[in-house]
Amino acid sequence: MATVGSKYGNRKTNGYDSRREAQYAAKLEALRRAADPETRVADIRKQVPFELIPAQRGADGKVVERACKYIADFVVTRASGRVDVIDVKGFKTPDYIIKRKLMLKVHGIRILEV
């Protein structure tokens, strides 16, 4: 029986969805020791969900459409207090582009793409 690979050809690495994401996480960990507060990382959260469109319910209260969510690769809080929502991208899918626009419209958050 053949194994099925990832839809986009990436391989999970050290618990991350891709090698690129694992490398970026290592870079963020190194920035915990940076001198500049704008650069220094105080907190890193991984795979953080944001609801873009709430679940839709019918008259009987049952869910007829699930919520639409965007899951950020990282939410990074800098020592200065600045918060960055980061997505590590190989390429931008049409679904991602729509979710990026919804993040800006619904939450007022601009995603930092690396």
PDB file of N, CA and C in Angstrom:
ATOM      1  N   MET A   1       0.848  -1.181   0.000  1.00  0.00           N
ATOM      2  CA  MET A   1       0.000   0.000   0.000  1.00  0.00           C
ATOM      3  C   MET A   1       0.892   1.242   0.000  1.00  0.00           C
ATOM      4  N   ALA A   2       0.620   2.147  -0.896  1.00  0.00           N
ATOM      5  CA  ALA A   2       1.406   3.374  -1.006  1.00  0.00           C
ATOM      6  C   ALA A   2       0.965   4.373   0.057  1.00  0.00           C
ATOM      7  N   THR A   3       1.924   5.164   0.535  1.00  0.00           N
ATOM      8  CA  THR A   3       1.583   6.213   1.495  1.00  0.00           C
ATOM      9  C   THR A   3       1.199   7.469   0.723  1.00  0.00           C
ATOM     10  N   VAL A   4       0.321   8.234   1.305  1.00  0.00           N
ATOM     11  CA  VAL A   4      -0.138   9.465   0.672  1.00  0.00           C
ATOM     12  C   VAL A   4       0.658  10.629   1.241  1.00  0.00           C
ATOM     13  N   GLY A   5       1.236  11.438   0.363  1.00  0.00           N
ATOM     14  CA  GLY A   5       2.018  12.589   0.802  1.00  0.00           C
ATOM     15  C   GLY A   5       1.139  13.795   1.058  1.00  0.00           C
ATOM     16  N   SER A   6       1.770  14.850   1.487  1.00  0.00           N
ATOM     17  CA  SER A   6       1.071  16.109   1.742  1.00  0.00           C
ATOM     18  C   SER A   6       0.544  16.694   0.437  1.00  0.00           C
ATOM     19  N   LYS A   7      -0.544  17.395   0.537  1.00  0.00           N
ATOM     20  CA  LYS A   7      -1.167  18.021  -0.625  1.00  0.00           C
ATOM     21  C   LYS A   7      -0.199  18.972  -1.335  1.00  0.00           C
ATOM     22  N   TYR A   8       0.644  19.662  -0.575  1.00  0.00           N
ATOM     23  CA  TYR A   8       1.556  20.646  -1.157  1.00  0.00           C
ATOM     24  C   TYR A   8       3.009  20.181  -1.181  1.00  0.00           C
ATOM     25  N   GLY A   9       3.257  18.921  -0.865  1.00  0.00           N
ATOM     26  CA  GLY A   9       4.601  18.374  -0.948  1.00  0.00           C
ATOM     27  C   GLY A   9       5.492  18.675   0.240  1.00  0.00           C
ATOM     28  N   ASN A  10       4.953  19.278   1.301  1.00  0.00           N
ATOM     29  CA  ASN A  10       5.782  19.578   2.469  1.00  0.00           C
ATOM     30  C   ASN A  10       5.830  18.375   3.403  1.00  0.00           C
ATOM     31  N   ARG A  11       6.868  18.333   4.232  1.00  0.00           N
ATOM     32  CA  ARG A  11       7.038  17.248   5.200  1.00  0.00           C
ATOM     33  C   ARG A  11       7.028  17.814   6.602  1.00  0.00           C
ATOM     34  N   LYS A  12       6.315  17.132   7.486  1.00  0.00           N
ATOM     35  CA  LYS A  12       6.311  17.561   8.886  1.00  0.00           C
ATOM     36  C   LYS A  12       7.729  17.433   9.435  1.00  0.00           C
ATOM     37  N   THR A  13       8.163  18.459  10.174  1.00  0.00           N
ATOM     38  CA  THR A  13       9.507  18.500  10.734  1.00  0.00           C
ATOM     39  C   THR A  13       9.429  19.000  12.164  1.00  0.00           C
ATOM     40  N   ASN A  14       9.938  18.225  13.100  1.00  0.00           N
ATOM     41  CA  ASN A  14       9.975  18.613  14.517  1.00  0.00           C
ATOM     42  C   ASN A  14       8.620  19.101  15.024  1.00  0.00           C
ATOM     43  N   GLY A  15       7.546  18.475  14.570  1.00  0.00           N
ATOM     44  CA  GLY A  15       6.217  18.850  15.030  1.00  0.00           C
ATOM     45  C   GLY A  15       5.591  20.012  14.279  1.00  0.00           C
ATOM     46  N   TYR A  16       6.282  20.569  13.304  1.00  0.00           N
ATOM     47  CA  TYR A  16       5.751  21.668  12.495  1.00  0.00           C
ATOM     48  C   TYR A  16       5.266  21.119  11.160  1.00  0.00           C
ATOM     49  N   ASP A  17       4.391  21.875  10.502  1.00  0.00           N
ATOM     50  CA  ASP A  17       3.790  21.408   9.255  1.00  0.00           C
ATOM     51  C   ASP A  17       4.753  21.383   8.074  1.00  0.00           C
ATOM     52  N   SER A  18       5.873  22.074   8.183  1.00  0.00           N
ATOM     53  CA  SER A  18       6.850  22.078   7.096  1.00  0.00           C
ATOM     54  C   SER A  18       8.238  22.375   7.653  1.00  0.00           C
ATOM     55  N   ARG A  19       9.232  22.079   6.844  1.00  0.00           N
ATOM     56  CA  ARG A  19      10.614  22.381   7.235  1.00  0.00           C
ATOM     57  C   ARG A  19      10.802  23.892   7.371  1.00  0.00           C
ATOM     58  N   ARG A  20      10.197  24.646   6.463  1.00  0.00           N
ATOM     59  CA  ARG A  20      10.305  26.109   6.502  1.00  0.00           C
ATOM     60  C   ARG A  20       9.726  26.657   7.809  1.00  0.00           C
ATOM     61  N   GLU A  21       8.585  26.099   8.236  1.00  0.00           N
ATOM     62  CA  GLU A  21       7.956  26.543   9.484  1.00  0.00           C
ATOM     63  C   GLU A  21       8.845  26.203  10.686  1.00  0.00           C
ATOM     64  N   ALA A  22       9.467  25.035  10.675  1.00  0.00           N
ATOM     65  CA  ALA A  22      10.370  24.641  11.764  1.00  0.00           C
ATOM     66  C   ALA A  22      11.582  25.570  11.818  1.00  0.00           C
ATOM     67  N   GLN A  23      12.106  25.941  10.655  1.00  0.00           N
ATOM     68  CA  GLN A  23      13.252  26.853  10.608  1.00  0.00           C
ATOM     69  C   GLN A  23      12.871  28.234  11.130  1.00  0.00           C
ATOM     70  N   TYR A  24      11.684  28.696  10.789  1.00  0.00           N
ATOM     71  CA  TYR A  24      11.253  30.012  11.266  1.00  0.00           C
ATOM     72  C   TYR A  24      11.034  29.988  12.777  1.00  0.00           C
ATOM     73  N   ALA A  25      10.519  28.886  13.300  1.00  0.00           N
ATOM     74  CA  ALA A  25      10.325  28.750  14.751  1.00  0.00           C
ATOM     75  C   ALA A  25      11.671  28.827  15.468  1.00  0.00           C
ATOM     76  N   ALA A  26      12.698  28.205  14.891  1.00  0.00           N
ATOM     77  CA  ALA A  26      14.037  28.268  15.484  1.00  0.00           C
ATOM     78  C   ALA A  26      14.555  29.706  15.486  1.00  0.00           C
ATOM     79  N   LYS A  27      14.273  30.439  14.413  1.00  0.00           N
ATOM     80  CA  LYS A  27      14.680  31.848  14.336  1.00  0.00           C
ATOM     81  C   LYS A  27      13.971  32.668  15.417  1.00  0.00           C
ATOM     82  N   LEU A  28      12.670  32.416  15.613  1.00  0.00           N
ATOM     83  CA  LEU A  28      11.921  33.126  16.654  1.00  0.00           C
ATOM     84  C   LEU A  28      12.484  32.812  18.040  1.00  0.00           C
ATOM     85  N   GLU A  29      12.821  31.547  18.280  1.00  0.00           N
ATOM     86  CA  GLU A  29      13.404  31.163  19.576  1.00  0.00           C
ATOM     87  C   GLU A  29      14.716  31.907  19.813  1.00  0.00           C
ATOM     88  N   ALA A  30      15.520  32.066  18.760  1.00  0.00           N
ATOM     89  CA  ALA A  30      16.790  32.794  18.888  1.00  0.00           C
ATOM     90  C   ALA A  30      16.538  34.270  19.209  1.00  0.00           C
ATOM     91  N   LEU A  31      15.438  34.821  18.720  1.00  0.00           N
ATOM     92  CA  LEU A  31      15.123  36.234  18.962  1.00  0.00           C
ATOM     93  C   LEU A  31      14.658  36.496  20.394  1.00  0.00           C
ATOM     94  N   ARG A  32      14.468  35.457  21.176  1.00  0.00           N
ATOM     95  CA  ARG A  32      14.147  35.650  22.599  1.00  0.00           C
ATOM     96  C   ARG A  32      15.308  36.333  23.326  1.00  0.00           C
ATOM     97  N   ARG A  33      16.522  36.236  22.750  1.00  0.00           N
ATOM     98  CA  ARG A  33      17.719  36.800  23.386  1.00  0.00           C
ATOM     99  C   ARG A  33      18.167  38.119  22.752  1.00  0.00           C
ATOM    100  N   ALA A  34      17.396  38.660  21.829  1.00  0.00           N
ATOM    101  CA  ALA A  34      17.777  39.905  21.149  1.00  0.00           C
ATOM    102  C   ALA A  34      17.771  41.074  22.133  1.00  0.00           C
ATOM    103  N   ALA A  35      18.638  42.044  21.885  1.00  0.00           N
ATOM    104  CA  ALA A  35      18.756  43.203  22.778  1.00  0.00           C
ATOM    105  C   ALA A  35      17.646  44.229  22.540  1.00  0.00           C
ATOM    106  N   ASP A  36      17.287  44.447  21.292  1.00  0.00           N
ATOM    107  CA  ASP A  36      16.294  45.463  20.932  1.00  0.00           C
ATOM    108  C   ASP A  36      14.881  44.986  21.291  1.00  0.00           C
ATOM    109  N   PRO A  37      14.127  45.755  22.105  1.00  0.00           N
ATOM    110  CA  PRO A  37      12.775  45.334  22.502  1.00  0.00           C
ATOM    111  C   PRO A  37      11.805  45.177  21.330  1.00  0.00           C
ATOM    112  N   GLU A  38      12.025  45.925  20.236  1.00  0.00           N
ATOM    113  CA  GLU A  38      11.165  45.779  19.053  1.00  0.00           C
ATOM    114  C   GLU A  38      11.402  44.440  18.369  1.00  0.00           C
ATOM    115  N   THR A  39      12.614  43.905  18.506  1.00  0.00           N
ATOM    116  CA  THR A  39      12.983  42.641  17.878  1.00  0.00           C
ATOM    117  C   THR A  39      12.812  41.470  18.833  1.00  0.00           C
ATOM    118  N   ARG A  40      13.114  41.702  20.118  1.00  0.00           N
ATOM    119  CA  ARG A  40      13.114  40.613  21.103  1.00  0.00           C
ATOM    120  C   ARG A  40      11.723  39.996  21.245  1.00  0.00           C
ATOM    121  N   VAL A  41      11.683  38.684  21.258  1.00  0.00           N
ATOM    122  CA  VAL A  41      10.436  37.932  21.373  1.00  0.00           C
ATOM    123  C   VAL A  41      10.183  37.605  22.837  1.00  0.00           C
ATOM    124  N   ALA A  42       9.008  37.995  23.335  1.00  0.00           N
ATOM    125  CA  ALA A  42       8.627  37.703  24.716  1.00  0.00           C
ATOM    126  C   ALA A  42       7.782  36.440  24.795  1.00  0.00           C
ATOM    127  N   ASP A  43       6.943  36.203  23.763  1.00  0.00           N
ATOM    128  CA  ASP A  43       6.047  35.045  23.790  1.00  0.00           C
ATOM    129  C   ASP A  43       5.779  34.566  22.369  1.00  0.00           C
ATOM    130  N   ILE A  44       5.719  33.244  22.208  1.00  0.00           N
ATOM    131  CA  ILE A  44       5.402  32.630  20.920  1.00  0.00           C
ATOM    132  C   ILE A  44       4.250  31.659  21.139  1.00  0.00           C
ATOM    133  N   ARG A  45       3.165  31.860  20.390  1.00  0.00           N
ATOM    134  CA  ARG A  45       2.060  30.891  20.407  1.00  0.00           C
ATOM    135  C   ARG A  45       1.962  30.284  19.011  1.00  0.00           C
ATOM    136  N   LYS A  46       1.749  28.972  18.953  1.00  0.00           N
ATOM    137  CA  LYS A  46       1.728  28.256  17.677  1.00  0.00           C
ATOM    138  C   LYS A  46       0.318  27.790  17.346  1.00  0.00           C
ATOM    139  N   GLN A  47       0.000  27.789  16.050  1.00  0.00           N
ATOM    140  CA  GLN A  47      -1.278  27.277  15.543  1.00  0.00           C
ATOM    141  C   GLN A  47      -2.469  27.910  16.266  1.00  0.00           C
ATOM    142  N   VAL A  48      -2.549  29.233  16.203  1.00  0.00           N
ATOM    143  CA  VAL A  48      -3.586  29.994  16.910  1.00  0.00           C
ATOM    144  C   VAL A  48      -4.793  30.199  15.984  1.00  0.00           C
ATOM    145  N   PRO A  49      -5.992  29.723  16.397  1.00  0.00           N
ATOM    146  CA  PRO A  49      -7.176  29.884  15.549  1.00  0.00           C
ATOM    147  C   PRO A  49      -7.845  31.252  15.726  1.00  0.00           C
ATOM    148  N   PHE A  50      -8.348  31.795  14.622  1.00  0.00           N
ATOM    149  CA  PHE A  50      -9.135  33.022  14.612  1.00  0.00           C
ATOM    150  C   PHE A  50     -10.436  32.712  13.879  1.00  0.00           C
ATOM    151  N   GLU A  51     -11.564  33.038  14.487  1.00  0.00           N
ATOM    152  CA  GLU A  51     -12.841  32.816  13.812  1.00  0.00           C
ATOM    153  C   GLU A  51     -13.106  33.972  12.859  1.00  0.00           C
ATOM    154  N   LEU A  52     -13.355  33.640  11.597  1.00  0.00           N
ATOM    155  CA  LEU A  52     -13.615  34.650  10.576  1.00  0.00           C
ATOM    156  C   LEU A  52     -15.109  34.828  10.327  1.00  0.00           C
ATOM    157  N   ILE A  53     -15.821  33.715  10.291  1.00  0.00           N
ATOM    158  CA  ILE A  53     -17.272  33.736  10.110  1.00  0.00           C
ATOM    159  C   ILE A  53     -17.846  32.753  11.125  1.00  0.00           C
ATOM    160  N   PRO A  54     -18.758  33.201  11.989  1.00  0.00           N
ATOM    161  CA  PRO A  54     -19.303  32.290  12.999  1.00  0.00           C
ATOM    162  C   PRO A  54     -20.145  31.178  12.372  1.00  0.00           C
ATOM    163  N   ALA A  55     -20.326  30.108  13.137  1.00  0.00           N
ATOM    164  CA  ALA A  55     -21.185  29.010  12.694  1.00  0.00           C
ATOM    165  C   ALA A  55     -22.600  29.534  12.476  1.00  0.00           C
ATOM    166  N   GLN A  56     -23.259  28.997  11.486  1.00  0.00           N
ATOM    167  CA  GLN A  56     -24.634  29.391  11.174  1.00  0.00           C
ATOM    168  C   GLN A  56     -25.578  28.304  11.677  1.00  0.00           C
ATOM    169  N   ARG A  57     -26.636  28.717  12.352  1.00  0.00           N
ATOM    170  CA  ARG A  57     -27.590  27.768  12.923  1.00  0.00           C
ATOM    171  C   ARG A  57     -28.956  27.939  12.270  1.00  0.00           C
ATOM    172  N   GLY A  58     -29.651  26.814  12.141  1.00  0.00           N
ATOM    173  CA  GLY A  58     -31.010  26.836  11.612  1.00  0.00           C
ATOM    174  C   GLY A  58     -31.992  27.244  12.697  1.00  0.00           C
ATOM    175  N   ALA A  59     -33.267  27.300  12.343  1.00  0.00           N
ATOM    176  CA  ALA A  59     -34.322  27.684  13.287  1.00  0.00           C
ATOM    177  C   ALA A  59     -34.388  26.734  14.477  1.00  0.00           C
ATOM    178  N   ASP A  60     -33.982  25.470  14.262  1.00  0.00           N
ATOM    179  CA  ASP A  60     -34.003  24.480  15.344  1.00  0.00           C
ATOM    180  C   ASP A  60     -32.765  24.558  16.234  1.00  0.00           C
ATOM    181  N   GLY A  61     -31.838  25.468  15.917  1.00  0.00           N
ATOM    182  CA  GLY A  61     -30.639  25.640  16.727  1.00  0.00           C
ATOM    183  C   GLY A  61     -29.470  24.766  16.314  1.00  0.00           C
ATOM    184  N   LYS A  62     -29.680  23.862  15.369  1.00  0.00           N
ATOM    185  CA  LYS A  62     -28.603  22.983  14.907  1.00  0.00           C
ATOM    186  C   LYS A  62     -27.699  23.735  13.937  1.00  0.00           C
ATOM    187  N   VAL A  63     -26.424  23.394  13.988  1.00  0.00           N
ATOM    188  CA  VAL A  63     -25.447  24.024  13.100  1.00  0.00           C
ATOM    189  C   VAL A  63     -25.697  23.547  11.670  1.00  0.00           C
ATOM    190  N   VAL A  64     -25.921  24.499  10.768  1.00  0.00           N
ATOM    191  CA  VAL A  64     -26.105  24.157   9.357  1.00  0.00           C
ATOM    192  C   VAL A  64     -24.845  24.477   8.542  1.00  0.00           C
ATOM    193  N   GLU A  65     -24.032  25.380   9.047  1.00  0.00           N
ATOM    194  CA  GLU A  65     -22.730  25.691   8.441  1.00  0.00           C
ATOM    195  C   GLU A  65     -21.725  25.900   9.560  1.00  0.00           C
ATOM    196  N   ARG A  66     -20.610  25.186   9.480  1.00  0.00           N
ATOM    197  CA  ARG A  66     -19.567  25.346  10.495  1.00  0.00           C
ATOM    198  C   ARG A  66     -18.932  26.727  10.389  1.00  0.00           C
ATOM    199  N   ALA A  67     -18.276  27.121  11.464  1.00  0.00           N
ATOM    200  CA  ALA A  67     -17.550  28.392  11.470  1.00  0.00           C
ATOM    201  C   ALA A  67     -16.379  28.303  10.495  1.00  0.00           C
ATOM    202  N   CYS A  68     -16.021  29.430   9.920  1.00  0.00           N
ATOM    203  CA  CYS A  68     -14.846  29.522   9.055  1.00  0.00           C
ATOM    204  C   CYS A  68     -13.725  30.098   9.909  1.00  0.00           C
ATOM    205  N   LYS A  69     -12.586  29.397   9.955  1.00  0.00           N
ATOM    206  CA  LYS A  69     -11.472  29.829  10.797  1.00  0.00           C
ATOM    207  C   LYS A  69     -10.197  29.963   9.982  1.00  0.00           C
ATOM    208  N   TYR A  70      -9.340  30.832  10.471  1.00  0.00           N
ATOM    209  CA  TYR A  70      -7.969  30.939   9.966  1.00  0.00           C
ATOM    210  C   TYR A  70      -7.070  30.513  11.112  1.00  0.00           C
ATOM    211  N   ILE A  71      -6.085  29.667  10.828  1.00  0.00           N
ATOM    212  CA  ILE A  71      -5.148  29.237  11.866  1.00  0.00           C
ATOM    213  C   ILE A  71      -3.783  29.827  11.537  1.00  0.00           C
ATOM    214  N   ALA A  72      -3.344  30.752  12.383  1.00  0.00           N
ATOM    215  CA  ALA A  72      -2.042  31.399  12.202  1.00  0.00           C
ATOM    216  C   ALA A  72      -0.941  30.431  12.608  1.00  0.00           C
ATOM    217  N   ASP A  73       0.153  30.423  11.858  1.00  0.00           N
ATOM    218  CA  ASP A  73       1.289  29.580  12.230  1.00  0.00           C
ATOM    219  C   ASP A  73       1.863  30.030  13.570  1.00  0.00           C
ATOM    220  N   PHE A  74       2.021  31.350  13.738  1.00  0.00           N
ATOM    221  CA  PHE A  74       2.577  31.899  14.976  1.00  0.00           C
ATOM    222  C   PHE A  74       1.892  33.216  15.321  1.00  0.00           C
ATOM    223  N   VAL A  75       1.685  33.442  16.612  1.00  0.00           N
ATOM    224  CA  VAL A  75       1.333  34.763  17.124  1.00  0.00           C
ATOM    225  C   VAL A  75       2.460  35.114  18.082  1.00  0.00           C
ATOM    226  N   VAL A  76       3.202  36.158  17.730  1.00  0.00           N
ATOM    227  CA  VAL A  76       4.418  36.515  18.452  1.00  0.00           C
ATOM    228  C   VAL A  76       4.215  37.844  19.164  1.00  0.00           C
ATOM    229  N   THR A  77       4.503  37.859  20.463  1.00  0.00           N
ATOM    230  CA  THR A  77       4.473  39.099  21.238  1.00  0.00           C
ATOM    231  C   THR A  77       5.913  39.542  21.445  1.00  0.00           C
ATOM    232  N   ARG A  78       6.207  40.761  21.023  1.00  0.00           N
ATOM    233  CA  ARG A  78       7.555  41.322  21.185  1.00  0.00           C
ATOM    234  C   ARG A  78       7.685  41.914  22.582  1.00  0.00           C
ATOM    235  N   ALA A  79       8.908  42.132  23.021  1.00  0.00           N
ATOM    236  CA  ALA A  79       9.161  42.712  24.344  1.00  0.00           C
ATOM    237  C   ALA A  79       8.555  44.108  24.448  1.00  0.00           C
ATOM    238  N   SER A  80       8.410  44.789  23.325  1.00  0.00           N
ATOM    239  CA  SER A  80       7.825  46.133  23.302  1.00  0.00           C
ATOM    240  C   SER A  80       6.307  46.104  23.470  1.00  0.00           C
ATOM    241  N   GLY A  81       5.711  44.906  23.365  1.00  0.00           N
ATOM    242  CA  GLY A  81       4.262  44.770  23.458  1.00  0.00           C
ATOM    243  C   GLY A  81       3.590  44.584  22.107  1.00  0.00           C
ATOM    244  N   ARG A  82       4.325  44.813  21.027  1.00  0.00           N
ATOM    245  CA  ARG A  82       3.769  44.630  19.682  1.00  0.00           C
ATOM    246  C   ARG A  82       3.446  43.152  19.450  1.00  0.00           C
ATOM    247  N   VAL A  83       2.310  42.892  18.820  1.00  0.00           N
ATOM    248  CA  VAL A  83       1.896  41.517  18.524  1.00  0.00           C
ATOM    249  C   VAL A  83       1.871  41.331  17.012  1.00  0.00           C
ATOM    250  N   ASP A  84       2.529  40.269  16.531  1.00  0.00           N
ATOM    251  CA  ASP A  84       2.560  39.939  15.107  1.00  0.00           C
ATOM    252  C   ASP A  84       1.864  38.607  14.885  1.00  0.00           C
ATOM    253  N   VAL A  85       0.988  38.561  13.889  1.00  0.00           N
ATOM    254  CA  VAL A  85       0.382  37.307  13.446  1.00  0.00           C
ATOM    255  C   VAL A  85       1.160  36.900  12.201  1.00  0.00           C
ATOM    256  N   ILE A  86       1.784  35.720  12.257  1.00  0.00           N
ATOM    257  CA  ILE A  86       2.733  35.322  11.217  1.00  0.00           C
ATOM    258  C   ILE A  86       2.273  34.042  10.538  1.00  0.00           C
ATOM    259  N   ASP A  87       2.378  34.034   9.214  1.00  0.00           N
ATOM    260  CA  ASP A  87       2.088  32.844   8.431  1.00  0.00           C
ATOM    261  C   ASP A  87       3.311  32.539   7.577  1.00  0.00           C
ATOM    262  N   VAL A  88       3.816  31.323   7.682  1.00  0.00           N
ATOM    263  CA  VAL A  88       4.970  30.893   6.895  1.00  0.00           C
ATOM    264  C   VAL A  88       4.413  30.281   5.615  1.00  0.00           C
ATOM    265  N   LYS A  89       4.659  30.928   4.488  1.00  0.00           N
ATOM    266  CA  LYS A  89       4.035  30.532   3.228  1.00  0.00           C
ATOM    267  C   LYS A  89       5.049  30.071   2.199  1.00  0.00           C
ATOM    268  N   GLY A  90       4.759  28.948   1.559  1.00  0.00           N
ATOM    269  CA  GLY A  90       5.498  28.525   0.383  1.00  0.00           C
ATOM    270  C   GLY A  90       4.908  29.232  -0.829  1.00  0.00           C
ATOM    271  N   PHE A  91       3.579  29.204  -0.901  1.00  0.00           N
ATOM    272  CA  PHE A  91       2.846  29.957  -1.925  1.00  0.00           C
ATOM    273  C   PHE A  91       1.450  30.241  -1.395  1.00  0.00           C
ATOM    274  N   LYS A  92       0.808  31.220  -1.997  1.00  0.00           N
ATOM    275  CA  LYS A  92      -0.491  31.687  -1.511  1.00  0.00           C
ATOM    276  C   LYS A  92      -1.614  31.011  -2.295  1.00  0.00           C
ATOM    277  N   THR A  93      -2.421  30.230  -1.596  1.00  0.00           N
ATOM    278  CA  THR A  93      -3.571  29.592  -2.229  1.00  0.00           C
ATOM    279  C   THR A  93      -4.727  30.590  -2.300  1.00  0.00           C
ATOM    280  N   PRO A  94      -5.689  30.372  -3.189  1.00  0.00           N
ATOM    281  CA  PRO A  94      -6.866  31.256  -3.233  1.00  0.00           C
ATOM    282  C   PRO A  94      -7.616  31.296  -1.894  1.00  0.00           C
ATOM    283  N   ASP A  95      -7.726  30.162  -1.207  1.00  0.00           N
ATOM    284  CA  ASP A  95      -8.389  30.135   0.107  1.00  0.00           C
ATOM    285  C   ASP A  95      -7.650  31.014   1.106  1.00  0.00           C
ATOM    286  N   TYR A  96      -6.307  30.938   1.104  1.00  0.00           N
ATOM    287  CA  TYR A  96      -5.524  31.748   2.030  1.00  0.00           C
ATOM    288  C   TYR A  96      -5.741  33.239   1.760  1.00  0.00           C
ATOM    289  N   ILE A  97      -5.764  33.632   0.497  1.00  0.00           N
ATOM    290  CA  ILE A  97      -5.925  35.049   0.153  1.00  0.00           C
ATOM    291  C   ILE A  97      -7.259  35.580   0.678  1.00  0.00           C
ATOM    292  N   ILE A  98      -8.322  34.788   0.548  1.00  0.00           N
ATOM    293  CA  ILE A  98      -9.629  35.199   1.080  1.00  0.00           C
ATOM    294  C   ILE A  98      -9.565  35.314   2.597  1.00  0.00           C
ATOM    295  N   LYS A  99      -8.946  34.337   3.262  1.00  0.00           N
ATOM    296  CA  LYS A  99      -8.853  34.373   4.728  1.00  0.00           C
ATOM    297  C   LYS A  99      -7.997  35.545   5.200  1.00  0.00           C
ATOM    298  N   ARG A 100      -6.951  35.873   4.452  1.00  0.00           N
ATOM    299  CA  ARG A 100      -6.113  37.026   4.797  1.00  0.00           C
ATOM    300  C   ARG A 100      -6.942  38.311   4.757  1.00  0.00           C
ATOM    301  N   LYS A 101      -7.767  38.443   3.724  1.00  0.00           N
ATOM    302  CA  LYS A 101      -8.626  39.626   3.602  1.00  0.00           C
ATOM    303  C   LYS A 101      -9.661  39.671   4.721  1.00  0.00           C
ATOM    304  N   LEU A 102     -10.223  38.512   5.078  1.00  0.00           N
ATOM    305  CA  LEU A 102     -11.198  38.455   6.171  1.00  0.00           C
ATOM    306  C   LEU A 102     -10.550  38.788   7.513  1.00  0.00           C
ATOM    307  N   MET A 103      -9.302  38.378   7.717  1.00  0.00           N
ATOM    308  CA  MET A 103      -8.592  38.716   8.966  1.00  0.00           C
ATOM    309  C   MET A 103      -8.490  40.233   9.115  1.00  0.00           C
ATOM    310  N   LEU A 104      -8.194  40.917   8.027  1.00  0.00           N
ATOM    311  CA  LEU A 104      -8.081  42.373   8.067  1.00  0.00           C
ATOM    312  C   LEU A 104      -9.453  43.017   8.291  1.00  0.00           C
ATOM    313  N   LYS A 105     -10.471  42.524   7.601  1.00  0.00           N
ATOM    314  CA  LYS A 105     -11.817  43.101   7.710  1.00  0.00           C
ATOM    315  C   LYS A 105     -12.461  42.817   9.071  1.00  0.00           C
ATOM    316  N   VAL A 106     -12.399  41.567   9.533  1.00  0.00           N
ATOM    317  CA  VAL A 106     -13.106  41.156  10.751  1.00  0.00           C
ATOM    318  C   VAL A 106     -12.343  41.536  12.015  1.00  0.00           C
ATOM    319  N   HIS A 107     -11.027  41.287  12.022  1.00  0.00           N
ATOM    320  CA  HIS A 107     -10.230  41.487  13.237  1.00  0.00           C
ATOM    321  C   HIS A 107      -9.309  42.707  13.171  1.00  0.00           C
ATOM    322  N   GLY A 108      -9.178  43.322  11.984  1.00  0.00           N
ATOM    323  CA  GLY A 108      -8.264  44.456  11.845  1.00  0.00           C
ATOM    324  C   GLY A 108      -6.808  44.037  11.959  1.00  0.00           C
ATOM    325  N   ILE A 109      -6.529  42.774  11.624  1.00  0.00           N
ATOM    326  CA  ILE A 109      -5.173  42.229  11.759  1.00  0.00           C
ATOM    327  C   ILE A 109      -4.590  41.990  10.375  1.00  0.00           C
ATOM    328  N   ARG A 110      -3.417  42.560  10.150  1.00  0.00           N
ATOM    329  CA  ARG A 110      -2.673  42.306   8.920  1.00  0.00           C
ATOM    330  C   ARG A 110      -1.683  41.175   9.198  1.00  0.00           C
ATOM    331  N   ILE A 111      -1.751  40.131   8.401  1.00  0.00           N
ATOM    332  CA  ILE A 111      -0.888  38.962   8.584  1.00  0.00           C
ATOM    333  C   ILE A 111       0.486  39.252   7.998  1.00  0.00           C
ATOM    334  N   LEU A 112       1.524  38.934   8.759  1.00  0.00           N
ATOM    335  CA  LEU A 112       2.899  39.055   8.287  1.00  0.00           C
ATOM    336  C   LEU A 112       3.263  37.732   7.622  1.00  0.00           C
ATOM    337  N   GLU A 113       3.532  37.774   6.328  1.00  0.00           N
ATOM    338  CA  GLU A 113       3.859  36.564   5.569  1.00  0.00           C
ATOM    339  C   GLU A 113       5.366  36.444   5.429  1.00  0.00           C
ATOM    340  N   VAL A 114       5.881  35.271   5.751  1.00  0.00           N
ATOM    341  CA  VAL A 114       7.322  35.025   5.617  1.00  0.00           C
ATOM    342  C   VAL A 114       7.557  33.792   4.776  1.00  0.00           C
TER     343      VAL A 114
END
